[in-house]
Amino acid sequence: MATSRIVKVLRANTGARDLRTVFEDFCAMAAAAIRNRVDRNGYQAREEDYERTRTHYTPAQMDRFAEALALVALELDAHPRDVLGETYMQLGIANRDQGQFFTPYSVAQLIASMQIHDAPTQLLTRPFLTVYEPACGAGAMMITMTQALAAQGIEYQTKVHVTADDISAIAVHMSYVQLSLLGVPALVNRRNSLTLEHFDTWPTPAHVLGGWAYRLALADR
């Protein structure tokens, strides 16, 4: 399966709403649906946002959104990579006026392999590793990092915690969905990493269910 199938499903949902809005709504609703399964903090507000967005689509269109999310999950399981970033670029909706583009996955793989080459040695003296990404985009760097660690025999689901920032809401939602589906413990922040202005934090299911709030607090002490 290729991302072209996901693109086709999302394109079919255009009409009253343009393609960029359709993709933004898809990512926002997918992120809210995943988060509300495990996080009660802000639950009602997210449910209300979801319902407001849903009113713009027919039942058939909502079924296509569900199909698109299932295709993303299947593709991430079969070939872990930045599936949503690929989809975003194939849709041709990147905001180039603001210099918005996502790192090619092959470049992210090279950088990740250079950054975590000594991870097994670090884990000899530490209970887990922490990773920070100040401009996460769709999550390519973090996905390549987890896959590079897995190739070294490291169970990233229990031995690595990610903190990721981005000022863009759509980037936050894309990263959150992909890291959630890959089982990565992470806090994805909508935040300006330069001014530190903070809007929201999205904890992945692996973060919540893995007790990472306690583990991180204990490590800080």
C-alpha atoms as a PDB file:
ATOM      1  CA  MET A   1       0.000   0.000   0.000  1.00  0.00           C
ATOM      2  CA  ALA A   2       1.299   3.466  -0.803  1.00  0.00           C
ATOM      3  CA  THR A   3       0.362   6.882   0.467  1.00  0.00           C
ATOM      4  CA  SER A   4      -1.299   7.532  -2.898  1.00  0.00           C
ATOM      5  CA  ARG A   5      -4.294   5.537  -1.649  1.00  0.00           C
ATOM      6  CA  ILE A   6      -4.570   7.782   1.429  1.00  0.00           C
ATOM      7  CA  VAL A   7      -4.320  10.834  -0.812  1.00  0.00           C
ATOM      8  CA  LYS A   8      -7.122   9.505  -3.012  1.00  0.00           C
ATOM      9  CA  VAL A   9      -9.437   8.934  -0.032  1.00  0.00           C
ATOM     10  CA  LEU A  10      -8.813  12.420   1.371  1.00  0.00           C
ATOM     11  CA  ARG A  11      -9.252  14.098  -2.009  1.00  0.00           C
ATOM     12  CA  ALA A  12     -12.677  12.452  -2.237  1.00  0.00           C
ATOM     13  CA  ASN A  13     -13.752  14.491   0.805  1.00  0.00           C
ATOM     14  CA  THR A  14     -13.296  17.863  -0.861  1.00  0.00           C
ATOM     15  CA  GLY A  15     -16.285  19.863  -2.048  1.00  0.00           C
ATOM     16  CA  ALA A  16     -17.688  22.324   0.439  1.00  0.00           C
ATOM     17  CA  ARG A  17     -14.249  22.481   2.062  1.00  0.00           C
ATOM     18  CA  ASP A  18     -10.903  22.843   0.284  1.00  0.00           C
ATOM     19  CA  LEU A  19      -8.198  20.172   0.361  1.00  0.00           C
ATOM     20  CA  ARG A  20      -6.003  21.844   2.968  1.00  0.00           C
ATOM     21  CA  THR A  21      -8.963  22.249   5.333  1.00  0.00           C
ATOM     22  CA  VAL A  22      -9.975  18.625   4.766  1.00  0.00           C
ATOM     23  CA  PHE A  23      -6.480  17.436   5.704  1.00  0.00           C
ATOM     24  CA  GLU A  24      -6.311  19.719   8.748  1.00  0.00           C
ATOM     25  CA  ASP A  25      -9.725  18.489   9.911  1.00  0.00           C
ATOM     26  CA  PHE A  26      -8.692  14.869   9.371  1.00  0.00           C
ATOM     27  CA  CYS A  27      -5.547  15.251  11.479  1.00  0.00           C
ATOM     28  CA  ALA A  28      -7.311  17.243  14.206  1.00  0.00           C
ATOM     29  CA  MET A  29     -10.165  14.753  14.541  1.00  0.00           C
ATOM     30  CA  ALA A  30      -7.825  11.757  14.458  1.00  0.00           C
ATOM     31  CA  ALA A  31      -5.639  13.288  17.177  1.00  0.00           C
ATOM     32  CA  ALA A  32      -8.647  14.136  19.353  1.00  0.00           C
ATOM     33  CA  ALA A  33     -10.139  10.657  18.953  1.00  0.00           C
ATOM     34  CA  ILE A  34      -6.873   9.001  20.003  1.00  0.00           C
ATOM     35  CA  ARG A  35      -6.217  11.344  22.915  1.00  0.00           C
ATOM     36  CA  ASN A  36      -9.718  11.106  24.339  1.00  0.00           C
ATOM     37  CA  ARG A  37      -9.335   7.354  24.745  1.00  0.00           C
ATOM     38  CA  VAL A  38      -6.694   7.832  27.445  1.00  0.00           C
ATOM     39  CA  ASP A  39      -6.660  11.454  28.656  1.00  0.00           C
ATOM     40  CA  ARG A  40      -9.550  13.020  30.575  1.00  0.00           C
ATOM     41  CA  ASN A  41      -7.819  16.393  30.879  1.00  0.00           C
ATOM     42  CA  GLY A  42      -9.633  18.694  28.441  1.00  0.00           C
ATOM     43  CA  TYR A  43     -11.799  15.808  27.239  1.00  0.00           C
ATOM     44  CA  GLN A  44     -15.041  17.749  26.875  1.00  0.00           C
ATOM     45  CA  ALA A  45     -13.524  20.659  24.975  1.00  0.00           C
ATOM     46  CA  ARG A  46     -11.944  18.254  22.479  1.00  0.00           C
ATOM     47  CA  GLU A  47     -15.238  16.393  22.083  1.00  0.00           C
ATOM     48  CA  GLU A  48     -17.024  19.659  21.340  1.00  0.00           C
ATOM     49  CA  ASP A  49     -14.372  20.677  18.796  1.00  0.00           C
ATOM     50  CA  TYR A  50     -14.697  17.247  17.171  1.00  0.00           C
ATOM     51  CA  GLU A  51     -18.470  17.540  16.928  1.00  0.00           C
ATOM     52  CA  ARG A  52     -18.276  21.059  15.471  1.00  0.00           C
ATOM     53  CA  THR A  53     -15.907  19.820  12.785  1.00  0.00           C
ATOM     54  CA  ARG A  54     -18.009  16.739  12.095  1.00  0.00           C
ATOM     55  CA  THR A  55     -21.031  18.867  11.193  1.00  0.00           C
ATOM     56  CA  HIS A  56     -19.209  19.996   8.041  1.00  0.00           C
ATOM     57  CA  TYR A  57     -19.094  16.448   6.656  1.00  0.00           C
ATOM     58  CA  THR A  58     -21.614  13.856   5.542  1.00  0.00           C
ATOM     59  CA  PRO A  59     -21.679  10.332   7.051  1.00  0.00           C
ATOM     60  CA  ALA A  60     -20.003   9.049   3.881  1.00  0.00           C
ATOM     61  CA  GLN A  61     -17.202  11.596   4.262  1.00  0.00           C
ATOM     62  CA  MET A  62     -16.721  10.649   7.910  1.00  0.00           C
ATOM     63  CA  ASP A  63     -16.430   7.018   6.806  1.00  0.00           C
ATOM     64  CA  ARG A  64     -13.679   8.071   4.412  1.00  0.00           C
ATOM     65  CA  PHE A  65     -11.845   9.819   7.262  1.00  0.00           C
ATOM     66  CA  ALA A  66     -12.031   6.573   9.251  1.00  0.00           C
ATOM     67  CA  GLU A  67     -10.722   4.677   6.228  1.00  0.00           C
ATOM     68  CA  ALA A  68      -7.844   7.141   5.803  1.00  0.00           C
ATOM     69  CA  LEU A  69      -6.806   6.741   9.454  1.00  0.00           C
ATOM     70  CA  ALA A  70      -6.929   2.949   9.124  1.00  0.00           C
ATOM     71  CA  LEU A  71      -4.722   3.177   6.032  1.00  0.00           C
ATOM     72  CA  VAL A  72      -2.227   5.373   7.901  1.00  0.00           C
ATOM     73  CA  ALA A  73      -2.105   2.856  10.766  1.00  0.00           C
ATOM     74  CA  LEU A  74      -1.583  -0.059   8.375  1.00  0.00           C
ATOM     75  CA  GLU A  75       1.148   1.750   6.482  1.00  0.00           C
ATOM     76  CA  LEU A  76       2.977   2.711   9.683  1.00  0.00           C
ATOM     77  CA  ASP A  77       2.810  -0.893  10.843  1.00  0.00           C
ATOM     78  CA  ALA A  78       4.055  -2.305   7.550  1.00  0.00           C
ATOM     79  CA  HIS A  79       6.710   0.311   6.754  1.00  0.00           C
ATOM     80  CA  PRO A  80       7.318   2.716   9.701  1.00  0.00           C
ATOM     81  CA  ARG A  81       8.112   6.165   8.366  1.00  0.00           C
ATOM     82  CA  ASP A  82       6.634   9.662   8.055  1.00  0.00           C
ATOM     83  CA  VAL A  83       3.433   8.582   6.321  1.00  0.00           C
ATOM     84  CA  LEU A  84       1.451  11.744   7.069  1.00  0.00           C
ATOM     85  CA  GLY A  85       4.330  13.966   6.010  1.00  0.00           C
ATOM     86  CA  GLU A  86       4.443  12.137   2.675  1.00  0.00           C
ATOM     87  CA  THR A  87       0.683  12.495   2.327  1.00  0.00           C
ATOM     88  CA  TYR A  88       0.845  16.203   3.146  1.00  0.00           C
ATOM     89  CA  MET A  89       3.467  16.848   0.489  1.00  0.00           C
ATOM     90  CA  GLN A  90       1.685  14.695  -2.127  1.00  0.00           C
ATOM     91  CA  LEU A  91      -1.506  16.667  -1.554  1.00  0.00           C
ATOM     92  CA  GLY A  92       0.420  19.819  -2.519  1.00  0.00           C
ATOM     93  CA  ILE A  93      -0.941  21.886   0.366  1.00  0.00           C
ATOM     94  CA  ALA A  94       2.293  22.876   2.132  1.00  0.00           C
ATOM     95  CA  ASN A  95       2.329  26.554   3.068  1.00  0.00           C
ATOM     96  CA  ARG A  96       5.411  27.532   1.086  1.00  0.00           C
ATOM     97  CA  ASP A  97       4.746  31.229   1.691  1.00  0.00           C
ATOM     98  CA  GLN A  98       5.742  30.574   5.301  1.00  0.00           C
ATOM     99  CA  GLY A  99       8.673  28.347   4.340  1.00  0.00           C
ATOM    100  CA  GLN A 100       6.826  25.229   5.439  1.00  0.00           C
ATOM    101  CA  PHE A 101       8.280  21.943   4.247  1.00  0.00           C
ATOM    102  CA  PHE A 102       9.124  18.616   5.844  1.00  0.00           C
ATOM    103  CA  THR A 103      12.526  16.968   6.013  1.00  0.00           C
ATOM    104  CA  PRO A 104      12.860  14.155   3.435  1.00  0.00           C
ATOM    105  CA  TYR A 105      12.745  10.841   5.259  1.00  0.00           C
ATOM    106  CA  SER A 106      16.097   9.684   3.882  1.00  0.00           C
ATOM    107  CA  VAL A 107      17.770  12.796   5.329  1.00  0.00           C
ATOM    108  CA  ALA A 108      16.043  12.219   8.667  1.00  0.00           C
ATOM    109  CA  GLN A 109      17.315   8.627   8.687  1.00  0.00           C
ATOM    110  CA  LEU A 110      20.908   9.774   8.182  1.00  0.00           C
ATOM    111  CA  ILE A 111      20.691  12.358  10.966  1.00  0.00           C
ATOM    112  CA  ALA A 112      19.044   9.893  13.352  1.00  0.00           C
ATOM    113  CA  SER A 113      21.707   7.237  12.770  1.00  0.00           C
ATOM    114  CA  MET A 114      24.402   9.792  13.604  1.00  0.00           C
ATOM    115  CA  GLN A 115      22.660  10.954  16.774  1.00  0.00           C
ATOM    116  CA  ILE A 116      21.891   7.647  18.512  1.00  0.00           C
ATOM    117  CA  HIS A 117      24.920   5.500  17.645  1.00  0.00           C
ATOM    118  CA  ASP A 118      25.929   5.251  21.327  1.00  0.00           C
ATOM    119  CA  ALA A 119      22.436   4.666  22.734  1.00  0.00           C
ATOM    120  CA  PRO A 120      23.154   1.121  24.023  1.00  0.00           C
ATOM    121  CA  THR A 121      26.162   2.441  25.949  1.00  0.00           C
ATOM    122  CA  GLN A 122      24.116   5.258  27.500  1.00  0.00           C
ATOM    123  CA  LEU A 123      21.467   2.798  28.634  1.00  0.00           C
ATOM    124  CA  LEU A 124      24.042   0.886  30.673  1.00  0.00           C
ATOM    125  CA  THR A 125      23.975   3.701  33.224  1.00  0.00           C
ATOM    126  CA  ARG A 126      20.547   5.262  32.668  1.00  0.00           C
ATOM    127  CA  PRO A 127      17.023   3.817  33.024  1.00  0.00           C
ATOM    128  CA  PHE A 128      15.877   5.452  29.787  1.00  0.00           C
ATOM    129  CA  LEU A 129      16.835   8.036  27.165  1.00  0.00           C
ATOM    130  CA  THR A 130      15.093  11.363  26.543  1.00  0.00           C
ATOM    131  CA  VAL A 131      14.882  13.051  23.165  1.00  0.00           C
ATOM    132  CA  TYR A 132      13.861  16.641  22.402  1.00  0.00           C
ATOM    133  CA  GLU A 133      12.775  17.927  18.982  1.00  0.00           C
ATOM    134  CA  PRO A 134      12.219  21.732  18.887  1.00  0.00           C
ATOM    135  CA  ALA A 135      10.526  21.814  15.452  1.00  0.00           C
ATOM    136  CA  CYS A 136       8.948  18.414  14.977  1.00  0.00           C
ATOM    137  CA  GLY A 137       6.927  18.940  11.813  1.00  0.00           C
ATOM    138  CA  ALA A 138       5.083  15.699  11.061  1.00  0.00           C
ATOM    139  CA  GLY A 139       7.487  13.706  13.235  1.00  0.00           C
ATOM    140  CA  ALA A 140       9.980  12.348  10.689  1.00  0.00           C
ATOM    141  CA  MET A 141      13.053  12.823  12.892  1.00  0.00           C
ATOM    142  CA  MET A 142      11.439  11.122  15.864  1.00  0.00           C
ATOM    143  CA  ILE A 143      10.134   8.235  13.788  1.00  0.00           C
ATOM    144  CA  THR A 144      13.535   7.598  12.221  1.00  0.00           C
ATOM    145  CA  MET A 145      15.130   7.777  15.656  1.00  0.00           C
ATOM    146  CA  THR A 146      12.795   5.155  17.110  1.00  0.00           C
ATOM    147  CA  GLN A 147      13.348   2.860  14.142  1.00  0.00           C
ATOM    148  CA  ALA A 148      17.136   3.274  14.393  1.00  0.00           C
ATOM    149  CA  LEU A 149      16.939   2.367  18.089  1.00  0.00           C
ATOM    150  CA  ALA A 150      14.773  -0.653  17.307  1.00  0.00           C
ATOM    151  CA  ALA A 151      17.398  -1.783  14.791  1.00  0.00           C
ATOM    152  CA  GLN A 152      19.918  -1.735  17.670  1.00  0.00           C
ATOM    153  CA  GLY A 153      17.682  -4.002  19.726  1.00  0.00           C
ATOM    154  CA  ILE A 154      16.388  -1.203  21.984  1.00  0.00           C
ATOM    155  CA  GLU A 155      12.701  -1.315  22.930  1.00  0.00           C
ATOM    156  CA  TYR A 156      11.900   2.351  22.399  1.00  0.00           C
ATOM    157  CA  GLN A 157       8.394   1.895  23.829  1.00  0.00           C
ATOM    158  CA  THR A 158       9.892   1.520  27.328  1.00  0.00           C
ATOM    159  CA  LYS A 159      13.425   2.913  27.028  1.00  0.00           C
ATOM    160  CA  VAL A 160      12.922   6.246  25.271  1.00  0.00           C
ATOM    161  CA  HIS A 161      10.772   9.305  25.936  1.00  0.00           C
ATOM    162  CA  VAL A 162      10.238  12.045  23.364  1.00  0.00           C
ATOM    163  CA  THR A 163       9.351  15.694  23.882  1.00  0.00           C
ATOM    164  CA  ALA A 164       8.452  17.465  20.657  1.00  0.00           C
ATOM    165  CA  ASP A 165       7.518  21.075  19.950  1.00  0.00           C
ATOM    166  CA  ASP A 166       6.010  22.856  16.980  1.00  0.00           C
ATOM    167  CA  ILE A 167       4.169  26.143  16.583  1.00  0.00           C
ATOM    168  CA  SER A 168       1.893  24.718  13.887  1.00  0.00           C
ATOM    169  CA  ALA A 169      -1.308  23.020  15.072  1.00  0.00           C
ATOM    170  CA  ILE A 170      -1.399  20.730  12.042  1.00  0.00           C
ATOM    171  CA  ALA A 171       2.201  19.640  12.672  1.00  0.00           C
ATOM    172  CA  VAL A 172       1.369  18.873  16.305  1.00  0.00           C
ATOM    173  CA  HIS A 173      -1.626  16.785  15.266  1.00  0.00           C
ATOM    174  CA  MET A 174       0.361  14.914  12.603  1.00  0.00           C
ATOM    175  CA  SER A 175       3.204  14.111  14.986  1.00  0.00           C
ATOM    176  CA  TYR A 176       0.800  13.126  17.733  1.00  0.00           C
ATOM    177  CA  VAL A 177      -1.153  10.722  15.527  1.00  0.00           C
ATOM    178  CA  GLN A 178       1.947   9.019  14.148  1.00  0.00           C
ATOM    179  CA  LEU A 179       3.806   8.735  17.461  1.00  0.00           C
ATOM    180  CA  SER A 180       0.631   7.416  19.083  1.00  0.00           C
ATOM    181  CA  LEU A 181       0.129   4.754  16.418  1.00  0.00           C
ATOM    182  CA  LEU A 182       3.778   3.711  16.716  1.00  0.00           C
ATOM    183  CA  GLY A 183       3.535   3.372  20.501  1.00  0.00           C
ATOM    184  CA  VAL A 184       6.095   6.095  21.252  1.00  0.00           C
ATOM    185  CA  PRO A 185       5.934   7.639  24.763  1.00  0.00           C
ATOM    186  CA  ALA A 186       5.849  11.342  23.986  1.00  0.00           C
ATOM    187  CA  LEU A 187       4.654  14.795  24.916  1.00  0.00           C
ATOM    188  CA  VAL A 188       3.877  16.772  21.777  1.00  0.00           C
ATOM    189  CA  ASN A 189       3.635  20.473  22.565  1.00  0.00           C
ATOM    190  CA  ARG A 190       2.140  23.233  20.507  1.00  0.00           C
ATOM    191  CA  ARG A 191       4.758  25.734  21.548  1.00  0.00           C
ATOM    192  CA  ASN A 192       7.089  28.337  20.138  1.00  0.00           C
ATOM    193  CA  SER A 193      10.470  26.855  20.991  1.00  0.00           C
ATOM    194  CA  LEU A 194      12.129  30.287  20.647  1.00  0.00           C
ATOM    195  CA  THR A 195       9.833  32.411  22.827  1.00  0.00           C
ATOM    196  CA  LEU A 196       8.543  29.404  24.867  1.00  0.00           C
ATOM    197  CA  GLU A 197       4.961  30.598  24.388  1.00  0.00           C
ATOM    198  CA  HIS A 198       2.926  27.468  25.141  1.00  0.00           C
ATOM    199  CA  PHE A 199      -0.565  26.580  23.877  1.00  0.00           C
ATOM    200  CA  ASP A 200      -1.222  22.901  24.563  1.00  0.00           C
ATOM    201  CA  THR A 201       0.413  19.557  25.337  1.00  0.00           C
ATOM    202  CA  TRP A 202      -0.616  16.269  23.758  1.00  0.00           C
ATOM    203  CA  PRO A 203       0.486  13.156  25.713  1.00  0.00           C
ATOM    204  CA  THR A 204       0.509   9.997  23.606  1.00  0.00           C
ATOM    205  CA  PRO A 205      -1.253   6.866  24.896  1.00  0.00           C
ATOM    206  CA  ALA A 206       2.143   5.250  25.524  1.00  0.00           C
ATOM    207  CA  HIS A 207       3.090   8.207  27.729  1.00  0.00           C
ATOM    208  CA  VAL A 208      -0.128   8.027  29.742  1.00  0.00           C
ATOM    209  CA  LEU A 209      -0.415   4.252  30.057  1.00  0.00           C
ATOM    210  CA  GLY A 210       3.312   3.770  30.626  1.00  0.00           C
ATOM    211  CA  GLY A 211       3.339   5.992  33.725  1.00  0.00           C
ATOM    212  CA  TRP A 212       5.833   8.353  32.162  1.00  0.00           C
ATOM    213  CA  ALA A 213       4.713  11.401  34.134  1.00  0.00           C
ATOM    214  CA  TYR A 214       5.921   9.608  37.262  1.00  0.00           C
ATOM    215  CA  ARG A 215       9.063   8.227  35.602  1.00  0.00           C
ATOM    216  CA  LEU A 216      10.121  11.649  34.352  1.00  0.00           C
ATOM    217  CA  ALA A 217       9.410  13.304  37.705  1.00  0.00           C
ATOM    218  CA  LEU A 218      11.438  10.630  39.469  1.00  0.00           C
ATOM    219  CA  ALA A 219      14.341  11.111  37.058  1.00  0.00           C
ATOM    220  CA  ASP A 220      14.270  14.879  37.656  1.00  0.00           C
ATOM    221  CA  ARG A 221      14.579  14.295  41.406  1.00  0.00           C
END
